[in-house]
Amino acid sequence: MVAFIGDGSANYGITALWTAAQYGIPVVFVILNNGTYGALRGFAAKLNALDAPGLDVPGIDFVSLAAGYGVDADRAESLEKLRDCFTKALASDGPTLIEVPITTVSPF
C-alpha cells in the first residue's frame, strides 16, 4: 500500500505513523513537502485573504518525526534517491516514510 500526501495535510493526521508502526502495517507514506498548506492557500486566495497567518509551514522534518513514531524514513532529494528509497520501502515488512521536497505549485 502506498499513500501520497502533502506536508500540510500530513500535519492533520501525523499520528497515523504511530499506528502503522505499532501494528506493523507495510505501508509506504510519501510526503510531498513544499512547506505550505496548499489547500488553505487556495481557499485564502479565493477569499482574498492571502495575508492570513499560518499558511506556510517551512522546516518541518518529516524524517525525524517518522523516526520518533518508530517508522523507517528517508528524504529523497533526487529521482535516483527516490527510486532507491521506494524500492527499499516496498521490500519492507513495516511502514516507511519517504519525504520528497518539491516546489510550491498551487492548483488555484
PDB file of N, CA and C in Angstrom:
ATOM      1  N   MET A   1       0.846  -1.159   0.000  1.00  0.00           N
ATOM      2  CA  MET A   1       0.000   0.000   0.000  1.00  0.00           C
ATOM      3  C   MET A   1       0.899   1.232   0.000  1.00  0.00           C
ATOM      4  N   VAL A   2       0.524   2.206  -0.809  1.00  0.00           N
ATOM      5  CA  VAL A   2       1.274   3.456  -0.911  1.00  0.00           C
ATOM      6  C   VAL A   2       0.296   4.605  -0.685  1.00  0.00           C
ATOM      7  N   ALA A   3       0.682   5.534   0.189  1.00  0.00           N
ATOM      8  CA  ALA A   3      -0.151   6.695   0.488  1.00  0.00           C
ATOM      9  C   ALA A   3       0.627   7.957   0.159  1.00  0.00           C
ATOM     10  N   PHE A   4       0.110   8.763  -0.774  1.00  0.00           N
ATOM     11  CA  PHE A   4       0.714  10.047  -1.128  1.00  0.00           C
ATOM     12  C   PHE A   4      -0.048  11.148  -0.411  1.00  0.00           C
ATOM     13  N   ILE A   5       0.688  12.058   0.229  1.00  0.00           N
ATOM     14  CA  ILE A   5       0.037  13.143   0.952  1.00  0.00           C
ATOM     15  C   ILE A   5       0.952  14.365   0.962  1.00  0.00           C
ATOM     16  N   GLY A   6       0.357  15.522   0.991  1.00  0.00           N
ATOM     17  CA  GLY A   6       1.132  16.755   1.095  1.00  0.00           C
ATOM     18  C   GLY A   6       1.544  17.003   2.539  1.00  0.00           C
ATOM     19  N   ASP A   7       2.541  17.849   2.714  1.00  0.00           N
ATOM     20  CA  ASP A   7       3.038  18.124   4.058  1.00  0.00           C
ATOM     21  C   ASP A   7       1.999  18.822   4.922  1.00  0.00           C
ATOM     22  N   GLY A   8       1.238  19.729   4.356  1.00  0.00           N
ATOM     23  CA  GLY A   8       0.205  20.405   5.144  1.00  0.00           C
ATOM     24  C   GLY A   8      -0.837  19.428   5.637  1.00  0.00           C
ATOM     25  N   SER A   9      -1.340  18.589   4.750  1.00  0.00           N
ATOM     26  CA  SER A   9      -2.338  17.585   5.134  1.00  0.00           C
ATOM     27  C   SER A   9      -1.777  16.565   6.107  1.00  0.00           C
ATOM     28  N   ALA A  10      -0.511  16.205   5.935  1.00  0.00           N
ATOM     29  CA  ALA A  10       0.108  15.218   6.828  1.00  0.00           C
ATOM     30  C   ALA A  10       0.087  15.686   8.274  1.00  0.00           C
ATOM     31  N   ASN A  11       0.184  16.994   8.476  1.00  0.00           N
ATOM     32  CA  ASN A  11       0.179  17.521   9.835  1.00  0.00           C
ATOM     33  C   ASN A  11      -1.140  17.281  10.555  1.00  0.00           C
ATOM     34  N   TYR A  12      -2.213  17.112   9.816  1.00  0.00           N
ATOM     35  CA  TYR A  12      -3.515  16.872  10.438  1.00  0.00           C
ATOM     36  C   TYR A  12      -3.656  15.446  10.966  1.00  0.00           C
ATOM     37  N   GLY A  13      -2.860  14.514  10.448  1.00  0.00           N
ATOM     38  CA  GLY A  13      -3.001  13.113  10.862  1.00  0.00           C
ATOM     39  C   GLY A  13      -1.669  12.417  11.033  1.00  0.00           C
ATOM     40  N   ILE A  14      -0.657  13.146  11.487  1.00  0.00           N
ATOM     41  CA  ILE A  14       0.690  12.583  11.582  1.00  0.00           C
ATOM     42  C   ILE A  14       0.751  11.382  12.520  1.00  0.00           C
ATOM     43  N   THR A  15      -0.184  11.287  13.453  1.00  0.00           N
ATOM     44  CA  THR A  15      -0.174  10.154  14.386  1.00  0.00           C
ATOM     45  C   THR A  15      -0.502   8.831  13.700  1.00  0.00           C
ATOM     46  N   ALA A  16      -0.910   8.879  12.435  1.00  0.00           N
ATOM     47  CA  ALA A  16      -1.094   7.637  11.677  1.00  0.00           C
ATOM     48  C   ALA A  16       0.220   6.867  11.592  1.00  0.00           C
ATOM     49  N   LEU A  17       1.340   7.588  11.674  1.00  0.00           N
ATOM     50  CA  LEU A  17       2.644   6.922  11.662  1.00  0.00           C
ATOM     51  C   LEU A  17       2.785   6.002  12.869  1.00  0.00           C
ATOM     52  N   TRP A  18       2.354   6.461  14.031  1.00  0.00           N
ATOM     53  CA  TRP A  18       2.435   5.653  15.251  1.00  0.00           C
ATOM     54  C   TRP A  18       1.596   4.384  15.085  1.00  0.00           C
ATOM     55  N   THR A  19       0.389   4.529  14.580  1.00  0.00           N
ATOM     56  CA  THR A  19      -0.497   3.376  14.392  1.00  0.00           C
ATOM     57  C   THR A  19       0.137   2.369  13.439  1.00  0.00           C
ATOM     58  N   ALA A  20       0.672   2.849  12.334  1.00  0.00           N
ATOM     59  CA  ALA A  20       1.314   1.961  11.361  1.00  0.00           C
ATOM     60  C   ALA A  20       2.493   1.228  11.991  1.00  0.00           C
ATOM     61  N   ALA A  21       3.265   1.934  12.817  1.00  0.00           N
ATOM     62  CA  ALA A  21       4.419   1.300  13.477  1.00  0.00           C
ATOM     63  C   ALA A  21       3.969   0.268  14.503  1.00  0.00           C
ATOM     64  N   GLN A  22       2.975   0.600  15.296  1.00  0.00           N
ATOM     65  CA  GLN A  22       2.521  -0.311  16.349  1.00  0.00           C
ATOM     66  C   GLN A  22       1.924  -1.598  15.789  1.00  0.00           C
ATOM     67  N   TYR A  23       1.264  -1.496  14.660  1.00  0.00           N
ATOM     68  CA  TYR A  23       0.616  -2.668  14.067  1.00  0.00           C
ATOM     69  C   TYR A  23       1.426  -3.280  12.921  1.00  0.00           C
ATOM     70  N   GLY A  24       2.601  -2.743  12.667  1.00  0.00           N
ATOM     71  CA  GLY A  24       3.470  -3.294  11.632  1.00  0.00           C
ATOM     72  C   GLY A  24       2.856  -3.277  10.243  1.00  0.00           C
ATOM     73  N   ILE A  25       2.140  -2.229   9.930  1.00  0.00           N
ATOM     74  CA  ILE A  25       1.455  -2.141   8.636  1.00  0.00           C
ATOM     75  C   ILE A  25       2.480  -1.804   7.548  1.00  0.00           C
ATOM     76  N   PRO A  26       2.584  -2.620   6.526  1.00  0.00           N
ATOM     77  CA  PRO A  26       3.576  -2.377   5.459  1.00  0.00           C
ATOM     78  C   PRO A  26       3.094  -1.329   4.456  1.00  0.00           C
ATOM     79  N   VAL A  27       3.012  -0.113   4.907  1.00  0.00           N
ATOM     80  CA  VAL A  27       2.565   0.999   4.065  1.00  0.00           C
ATOM     81  C   VAL A  27       3.753   1.917   3.781  1.00  0.00           C
ATOM     82  N   VAL A  28       3.743   2.501   2.601  1.00  0.00           N
ATOM     83  CA  VAL A  28       4.745   3.495   2.232  1.00  0.00           C
ATOM     84  C   VAL A  28       4.045   4.852   2.227  1.00  0.00           C
ATOM     85  N   PHE A  29       4.461   5.739   3.124  1.00  0.00           N
ATOM     86  CA  PHE A  29       3.951   7.108   3.157  1.00  0.00           C
ATOM     87  C   PHE A  29       4.899   7.973   2.339  1.00  0.00           C
ATOM     88  N   VAL A  30       4.395   8.604   1.296  1.00  0.00           N
ATOM     89  CA  VAL A  30       5.200   9.531   0.507  1.00  0.00           C
ATOM     90  C   VAL A  30       4.660  10.926   0.794  1.00  0.00           C
ATOM     91  N   ILE A  31       5.471  11.733   1.483  1.00  0.00           N
ATOM     92  CA  ILE A  31       5.048  13.088   1.828  1.00  0.00           C
ATOM     93  C   ILE A  31       5.732  14.067   0.883  1.00  0.00           C
ATOM     94  N   LEU A  32       4.917  14.755   0.098  1.00  0.00           N
ATOM     95  CA  LEU A  32       5.405  15.778  -0.814  1.00  0.00           C
ATOM     96  C   LEU A  32       5.483  17.085  -0.025  1.00  0.00           C
ATOM     97  N   ASN A  33       6.702  17.537   0.241  1.00  0.00           N
ATOM     98  CA  ASN A  33       6.926  18.659   1.143  1.00  0.00           C
ATOM     99  C   ASN A  33       7.285  19.930   0.381  1.00  0.00           C
ATOM    100  N   ASN A  34       6.320  20.863   0.348  1.00  0.00           N
ATOM    101  CA  ASN A  34       6.580  22.159  -0.272  1.00  0.00           C
ATOM    102  C   ASN A  34       6.523  23.297   0.753  1.00  0.00           C
ATOM    103  N   GLY A  35       6.389  22.959   2.029  1.00  0.00           N
ATOM    104  CA  GLY A  35       6.449  23.966   3.079  1.00  0.00           C
ATOM    105  C   GLY A  35       5.242  24.875   3.179  1.00  0.00           C
ATOM    106  N   THR A  36       4.094  24.424   2.680  1.00  0.00           N
ATOM    107  CA  THR A  36       2.901  25.270   2.752  1.00  0.00           C
ATOM    108  C   THR A  36       1.636  24.416   2.813  1.00  0.00           C
ATOM    109  N   TYR A  37       0.582  25.013   3.306  1.00  0.00           N
ATOM    110  CA  TYR A  37      -0.743  24.396   3.263  1.00  0.00           C
ATOM    111  C   TYR A  37      -1.379  24.810   1.938  1.00  0.00           C
ATOM    112  N   GLY A  38      -1.171  24.017   0.905  1.00  0.00           N
ATOM    113  CA  GLY A  38      -1.640  24.381  -0.433  1.00  0.00           C
ATOM    114  C   GLY A  38      -3.141  24.586  -0.525  1.00  0.00           C
ATOM    115  N   ALA A  39      -3.908  23.700   0.079  1.00  0.00           N
ATOM    116  CA  ALA A  39      -5.370  23.833   0.008  1.00  0.00           C
ATOM    117  C   ALA A  39      -5.826  25.097   0.734  1.00  0.00           C
ATOM    118  N   LEU A  40      -5.263  25.336   1.912  1.00  0.00           N
ATOM    119  CA  LEU A  40      -5.644  26.542   2.658  1.00  0.00           C
ATOM    120  C   LEU A  40      -5.223  27.806   1.916  1.00  0.00           C
ATOM    121  N   ARG A  41      -4.057  27.764   1.266  1.00  0.00           N
ATOM    122  CA  ARG A  41      -3.596  28.907   0.486  1.00  0.00           C
ATOM    123  C   ARG A  41      -4.568  29.157  -0.675  1.00  0.00           C
ATOM    124  N   GLY A  42      -5.049  28.101  -1.293  1.00  0.00           N
ATOM    125  CA  GLY A  42      -6.023  28.243  -2.379  1.00  0.00           C
ATOM    126  C   GLY A  42      -7.325  28.863  -1.911  1.00  0.00           C
ATOM    127  N   PHE A  43      -7.804  28.398  -0.758  1.00  0.00           N
ATOM    128  CA  PHE A  43      -9.032  28.977  -0.197  1.00  0.00           C
ATOM    129  C   PHE A  43      -8.805  30.438   0.174  1.00  0.00           C
ATOM    130  N   ALA A  44      -7.635  30.744   0.754  1.00  0.00           N
ATOM    131  CA  ALA A  44      -7.317  32.121   1.122  1.00  0.00           C
ATOM    132  C   ALA A  44      -7.306  33.019  -0.114  1.00  0.00           C
ATOM    133  N   ALA A  45      -6.794  32.502  -1.225  1.00  0.00           N
ATOM    134  CA  ALA A  45      -6.782  33.286  -2.463  1.00  0.00           C
ATOM    135  C   ALA A  45      -8.205  33.564  -2.935  1.00  0.00           C
ATOM    136  N   LYS A  46      -9.058  32.560  -2.868  1.00  0.00           N
ATOM    137  CA  LYS A  46     -10.457  32.732  -3.287  1.00  0.00           C
ATOM    138  C   LYS A  46     -11.176  33.754  -2.415  1.00  0.00           C
ATOM    139  N   LEU A  47     -10.768  33.837  -1.139  1.00  0.00           N
ATOM    140  CA  LEU A  47     -11.399  34.765  -0.203  1.00  0.00           C
ATOM    141  C   LEU A  47     -10.661  36.095  -0.085  1.00  0.00           C
ATOM    142  N   ASN A  48      -9.647  36.274  -0.946  1.00  0.00           N
ATOM    143  CA  ASN A  48      -8.816  37.483  -0.920  1.00  0.00           C
ATOM    144  C   ASN A  48      -8.222  37.705   0.473  1.00  0.00           C
ATOM    145  N   ALA A  49      -7.682  36.641   1.043  1.00  0.00           N
ATOM    146  CA  ALA A  49      -7.115  36.702   2.397  1.00  0.00           C
ATOM    147  C   ALA A  49      -5.720  36.083   2.434  1.00  0.00           C
ATOM    148  N   LEU A  50      -4.901  36.387   1.430  1.00  0.00           N
ATOM    149  CA  LEU A  50      -3.569  35.782   1.357  1.00  0.00           C
ATOM    150  C   LEU A  50      -2.634  36.219   2.483  1.00  0.00           C
ATOM    151  N   ASP A  51      -3.044  37.211   3.252  1.00  0.00           N
ATOM    152  CA  ASP A  51      -2.236  37.632   4.393  1.00  0.00           C
ATOM    153  C   ASP A  51      -2.609  36.859   5.665  1.00  0.00           C
ATOM    154  N   ALA A  52      -3.450  35.847   5.534  1.00  0.00           N
ATOM    155  CA  ALA A  52      -3.836  35.027   6.699  1.00  0.00           C
ATOM    156  C   ALA A  52      -2.597  34.331   7.258  1.00  0.00           C
ATOM    157  N   PRO A  53      -2.459  34.300   8.573  1.00  0.00           N
ATOM    158  CA  PRO A  53      -1.279  33.654   9.170  1.00  0.00           C
ATOM    159  C   PRO A  53      -1.363  32.133   9.095  1.00  0.00           C
ATOM    160  N   GLY A  54      -0.206  31.509   9.123  1.00  0.00           N
ATOM    161  CA  GLY A  54      -0.150  30.055   9.217  1.00  0.00           C
ATOM    162  C   GLY A  54      -0.278  29.289   7.928  1.00  0.00           C
ATOM    163  N   LEU A  55      -0.202  29.972   6.784  1.00  0.00           N
ATOM    164  CA  LEU A  55      -0.319  29.263   5.511  1.00  0.00           C
ATOM    165  C   LEU A  55       0.980  28.568   5.125  1.00  0.00           C
ATOM    166  N   ASP A  56       2.076  29.068   5.640  1.00  0.00           N
ATOM    167  CA  ASP A  56       3.377  28.459   5.358  1.00  0.00           C
ATOM    168  C   ASP A  56       3.847  27.673   6.582  1.00  0.00           C
ATOM    169  N   VAL A  57       4.401  26.503   6.343  1.00  0.00           N
ATOM    170  CA  VAL A  57       4.908  25.638   7.422  1.00  0.00           C
ATOM    171  C   VAL A  57       6.292  25.109   7.025  1.00  0.00           C
ATOM    172  N   PRO A  58       7.257  26.027   6.866  1.00  0.00           N
ATOM    173  CA  PRO A  58       8.587  25.600   6.418  1.00  0.00           C
ATOM    174  C   PRO A  58       9.372  24.897   7.526  1.00  0.00           C
ATOM    175  N   GLY A  59      10.310  24.070   7.095  1.00  0.00           N
ATOM    176  CA  GLY A  59      11.268  23.492   8.032  1.00  0.00           C
ATOM    177  C   GLY A  59      10.805  22.284   8.818  1.00  0.00           C
ATOM    178  N   ILE A  60       9.661  21.721   8.506  1.00  0.00           N
ATOM    179  CA  ILE A  60       9.225  20.521   9.227  1.00  0.00           C
ATOM    180  C   ILE A  60      10.014  19.327   8.692  1.00  0.00           C
ATOM    181  N   ASP A  61      10.634  18.604   9.591  1.00  0.00           N
ATOM    182  CA  ASP A  61      11.482  17.458   9.242  1.00  0.00           C
ATOM    183  C   ASP A  61      10.676  16.172   9.442  1.00  0.00           C
ATOM    184  N   PHE A  62      10.031  15.712   8.378  1.00  0.00           N
ATOM    185  CA  PHE A  62       9.178  14.534   8.484  1.00  0.00           C
ATOM    186  C   PHE A  62       9.977  13.255   8.698  1.00  0.00           C
ATOM    187  N   VAL A  63      11.227  13.232   8.277  1.00  0.00           N
ATOM    188  CA  VAL A  63      12.077  12.067   8.522  1.00  0.00           C
ATOM    189  C   VAL A  63      12.291  11.903  10.028  1.00  0.00           C
ATOM    190  N   SER A  64      12.572  12.999  10.716  1.00  0.00           N
ATOM    191  CA  SER A  64      12.750  12.941  12.172  1.00  0.00           C
ATOM    192  C   SER A  64      11.446  12.624  12.880  1.00  0.00           C
ATOM    193  N   LEU A  65      10.347  13.203  12.418  1.00  0.00           N
ATOM    194  CA  LEU A  65       9.042  12.891  13.026  1.00  0.00           C
ATOM    195  C   LEU A  65       8.738  11.399  12.895  1.00  0.00           C
ATOM    196  N   ALA A  66       8.970  10.854  11.717  1.00  0.00           N
ATOM    197  CA  ALA A  66       8.720   9.430  11.494  1.00  0.00           C
ATOM    198  C   ALA A  66       9.557   8.578  12.437  1.00  0.00           C
ATOM    199  N   ALA A  67      10.829   8.924  12.583  1.00  0.00           N
ATOM    200  CA  ALA A  67      11.710   8.173  13.491  1.00  0.00           C
ATOM    201  C   ALA A  67      11.162   8.212  14.913  1.00  0.00           C
ATOM    202  N   GLY A  68      10.646   9.356  15.317  1.00  0.00           N
ATOM    203  CA  GLY A  68      10.063   9.483  16.646  1.00  0.00           C
ATOM    204  C   GLY A  68       8.854   8.594  16.859  1.00  0.00           C
ATOM    205  N   TYR A  69       8.140   8.310  15.801  1.00  0.00           N
ATOM    206  CA  TYR A  69       6.984   7.415  15.874  1.00  0.00           C
ATOM    207  C   TYR A  69       7.363   5.959  15.624  1.00  0.00           C
ATOM    208  N   GLY A  70       8.629   5.698  15.349  1.00  0.00           N
ATOM    209  CA  GLY A  70       9.081   4.328  15.122  1.00  0.00           C
ATOM    210  C   GLY A  70       8.960   3.851  13.694  1.00  0.00           C
ATOM    211  N   VAL A  71       8.957   4.779  12.757  1.00  0.00           N
ATOM    212  CA  VAL A  71       8.809   4.447  11.334  1.00  0.00           C
ATOM    213  C   VAL A  71      10.130   4.724  10.619  1.00  0.00           C
ATOM    214  N   ASP A  72      10.599   3.764   9.823  1.00  0.00           N
ATOM    215  CA  ASP A  72      11.783   3.988   8.992  1.00  0.00           C
ATOM    216  C   ASP A  72      11.474   5.103   8.001  1.00  0.00           C
ATOM    217  N   ALA A  73      12.455   5.969   7.768  1.00  0.00           N
ATOM    218  CA  ALA A  73      12.196   7.100   6.875  1.00  0.00           C
ATOM    219  C   ALA A  73      13.479   7.575   6.216  1.00  0.00           C
ATOM    220  N   ASP A  74      13.292   8.236   5.071  1.00  0.00           N
ATOM    221  CA  ASP A  74      14.412   8.819   4.355  1.00  0.00           C
ATOM    222  C   ASP A  74      13.881   9.990   3.536  1.00  0.00           C
ATOM    223  N   ARG A  75      14.787  10.858   3.121  1.00  0.00           N
ATOM    224  CA  ARG A  75      14.438  12.010   2.298  1.00  0.00           C
ATOM    225  C   ARG A  75      15.003  11.775   0.898  1.00  0.00           C
ATOM    226  N   ALA A  76      14.172  11.981  -0.100  1.00  0.00           N
ATOM    227  CA  ALA A  76      14.584  11.767  -1.490  1.00  0.00           C
ATOM    228  C   ALA A  76      14.666  13.110  -2.193  1.00  0.00           C
ATOM    229  N   GLU A  77      15.887  13.601  -2.357  1.00  0.00           N
ATOM    230  CA  GLU A  77      16.083  14.901  -2.982  1.00  0.00           C
ATOM    231  C   GLU A  77      16.481  14.792  -4.454  1.00  0.00           C
ATOM    232  N   SER A  78      16.425  13.584  -5.002  1.00  0.00           N
ATOM    233  CA  SER A  78      16.691  13.379  -6.426  1.00  0.00           C
ATOM    234  C   SER A  78      15.848  12.196  -6.889  1.00  0.00           C
ATOM    235  N   LEU A  79      15.690  12.084  -8.183  1.00  0.00           N
ATOM    236  CA  LEU A  79      14.923  10.971  -8.738  1.00  0.00           C
ATOM    237  C   LEU A  79      15.601   9.637  -8.430  1.00  0.00           C
ATOM    238  N   GLU A  80      16.914   9.605  -8.527  1.00  0.00           N
ATOM    239  CA  GLU A  80      17.649   8.374  -8.216  1.00  0.00           C
ATOM    240  C   GLU A  80      17.442   7.966  -6.759  1.00  0.00           C
ATOM    241  N   LYS A  81      17.511   8.925  -5.852  1.00  0.00           N
ATOM    242  CA  LYS A  81      17.306   8.636  -4.428  1.00  0.00           C
ATOM    243  C   LYS A  81      15.871   8.172  -4.187  1.00  0.00           C
ATOM    244  N   LEU A  82      14.905   8.777  -4.874  1.00  0.00           N
ATOM    245  CA  LEU A  82      13.507   8.369  -4.737  1.00  0.00           C
ATOM    246  C   LEU A  82      13.327   6.923  -5.182  1.00  0.00           C
ATOM    247  N   ARG A  83      13.941   6.555  -6.287  1.00  0.00           N
ATOM    248  CA  ARG A  83      13.858   5.164  -6.754  1.00  0.00           C
ATOM    249  C   ARG A  83      14.436   4.209  -5.721  1.00  0.00           C
ATOM    250  N   ASP A  84      15.591   4.557  -5.171  1.00  0.00           N
ATOM    251  CA  ASP A  84      16.229   3.710  -4.157  1.00  0.00           C
ATOM    252  C   ASP A  84      15.356   3.587  -2.905  1.00  0.00           C
ATOM    253  N   CYS A  85      14.849   4.714  -2.436  1.00  0.00           N
ATOM    254  CA  CYS A  85      14.001   4.714  -1.239  1.00  0.00           C
ATOM    255  C   CYS A  85      12.734   3.895  -1.471  1.00  0.00           C
ATOM    256  N   PHE A  86      12.133   4.074  -2.641  1.00  0.00           N
ATOM    257  CA  PHE A  86      10.874   3.397  -2.945  1.00  0.00           C
ATOM    258  C   PHE A  86      11.078   1.883  -3.060  1.00  0.00           C
ATOM    259  N   THR A  87      12.153   1.477  -3.695  1.00  0.00           N
ATOM    260  CA  THR A  87      12.465   0.058  -3.817  1.00  0.00           C
ATOM    261  C   THR A  87      12.655  -0.570  -2.437  1.00  0.00           C
ATOM    262  N   LYS A  88      13.413   0.097  -1.590  1.00  0.00           N
ATOM    263  CA  LYS A  88      13.640  -0.386  -0.229  1.00  0.00           C
ATOM    264  C   LYS A  88      12.337  -0.425   0.562  1.00  0.00           C
ATOM    265  N   ALA A  89      11.524   0.612   0.432  1.00  0.00           N
ATOM    266  CA  ALA A  89      10.264   0.687   1.174  1.00  0.00           C
ATOM    267  C   ALA A  89       9.302  -0.429   0.774  1.00  0.00           C
ATOM    268  N   LEU A  90       9.226  -0.718  -0.517  1.00  0.00           N
ATOM    269  CA  LEU A  90       8.316  -1.770  -0.980  1.00  0.00           C
ATOM    270  C   LEU A  90       8.744  -3.152  -0.497  1.00  0.00           C
ATOM    271  N   ALA A  91      10.022  -3.321  -0.211  1.00  0.00           N
ATOM    272  CA  ALA A  91      10.529  -4.608   0.277  1.00  0.00           C
ATOM    273  C   ALA A  91      10.403  -4.747   1.787  1.00  0.00           C
ATOM    274  N   SER A  92      10.011  -3.691   2.466  1.00  0.00           N
ATOM    275  CA  SER A  92       9.934  -3.692   3.925  1.00  0.00           C
ATOM    276  C   SER A  92       8.679  -4.396   4.427  1.00  0.00           C
ATOM    277  N   ASP A  93       8.787  -4.994   5.604  1.00  0.00           N
ATOM    278  CA  ASP A  93       7.633  -5.631   6.242  1.00  0.00           C
ATOM    279  C   ASP A  93       6.858  -4.665   7.132  1.00  0.00           C
ATOM    280  N   GLY A  94       7.374  -3.454   7.289  1.00  0.00           N
ATOM    281  CA  GLY A  94       6.733  -2.464   8.150  1.00  0.00           C
ATOM    282  C   GLY A  94       6.549  -1.153   7.409  1.00  0.00           C
ATOM    283  N   PRO A  95       6.092  -0.131   8.122  1.00  0.00           N
ATOM    284  CA  PRO A  95       5.848   1.159   7.484  1.00  0.00           C
ATOM    285  C   PRO A  95       7.140   1.908   7.183  1.00  0.00           C
ATOM    286  N   THR A  96       7.091   2.689   6.128  1.00  0.00           N
ATOM    287  CA  THR A  96       8.217   3.518   5.709  1.00  0.00           C
ATOM    288  C   THR A  96       7.674   4.865   5.249  1.00  0.00           C
ATOM    289  N   LEU A  97       8.408   5.921   5.558  1.00  0.00           N
ATOM    290  CA  LEU A  97       8.053   7.255   5.083  1.00  0.00           C
ATOM    291  C   LEU A  97       9.158   7.756   4.169  1.00  0.00           C
ATOM    292  N   ILE A  98       8.758   8.322   3.051  1.00  0.00           N
ATOM    293  CA  ILE A  98       9.699   8.968   2.131  1.00  0.00           C
ATOM    294  C   ILE A  98       9.271  10.424   2.007  1.00  0.00           C
ATOM    295  N   GLU A  99      10.139  11.324   2.425  1.00  0.00           N
ATOM    296  CA  GLU A  99       9.873  12.759   2.286  1.00  0.00           C
ATOM    297  C   GLU A  99      10.482  13.226   0.971  1.00  0.00           C
ATOM    298  N   VAL A 100       9.670  13.900   0.144  1.00  0.00           N
ATOM    299  CA  VAL A 100      10.117  14.379  -1.160  1.00  0.00           C
ATOM    300  C   VAL A 100       9.960  15.898  -1.203  1.00  0.00           C
ATOM    301  N   PRO A 101      11.064  16.628  -1.112  1.00  0.00           N
ATOM    302  CA  PRO A 101      10.973  18.085  -1.231  1.00  0.00           C
ATOM    303  C   PRO A 101      10.528  18.466  -2.647  1.00  0.00           C
ATOM    304  N   ILE A 102       9.552  19.351  -2.734  1.00  0.00           N
ATOM    305  CA  ILE A 102       9.057  19.814  -4.036  1.00  0.00           C
ATOM    306  C   ILE A 102       8.912  21.329  -3.995  1.00  0.00           C
ATOM    307  N   THR A 103       8.683  21.933  -5.146  1.00  0.00           N
ATOM    308  CA  THR A 103       8.421  23.362  -5.203  1.00  0.00           C
ATOM    309  C   THR A 103       6.928  23.595  -5.018  1.00  0.00           C
ATOM    310  N   THR A 104       6.589  24.785  -4.615  1.00  0.00           N
ATOM    311  CA  THR A 104       5.189  25.127  -4.375  1.00  0.00           C
ATOM    312  C   THR A 104       4.482  25.335  -5.697  1.00  0.00           C
ATOM    313  N   VAL A 105       3.410  24.579  -5.881  1.00  0.00           N
ATOM    314  CA  VAL A 105       2.576  24.732  -7.067  1.00  0.00           C
ATOM    315  C   VAL A 105       1.138  24.759  -6.579  1.00  0.00           C
ATOM    316  N   SER A 106       0.449  25.845  -6.855  1.00  0.00           N
ATOM    317  CA  SER A 106      -0.945  25.973  -6.418  1.00  0.00           C
ATOM    318  C   SER A 106      -1.887  25.542  -7.533  1.00  0.00           C
ATOM    319  N   PRO A 107      -2.903  24.748  -7.185  1.00  0.00           N
ATOM    320  CA  PRO A 107      -3.895  24.370  -8.201  1.00  0.00           C
ATOM    321  C   PRO A 107      -4.925  25.467  -8.436  1.00  0.00           C
ATOM    322  N   PHE A 108      -4.833  26.575  -7.699  1.00  0.00           N
ATOM    323  CA  PHE A 108      -5.835  27.636  -7.797  1.00  0.00           C
ATOM    324  C   PHE A 108      -5.329  28.813  -8.586  1.00  0.00           C
TER     325      PHE A 108
END
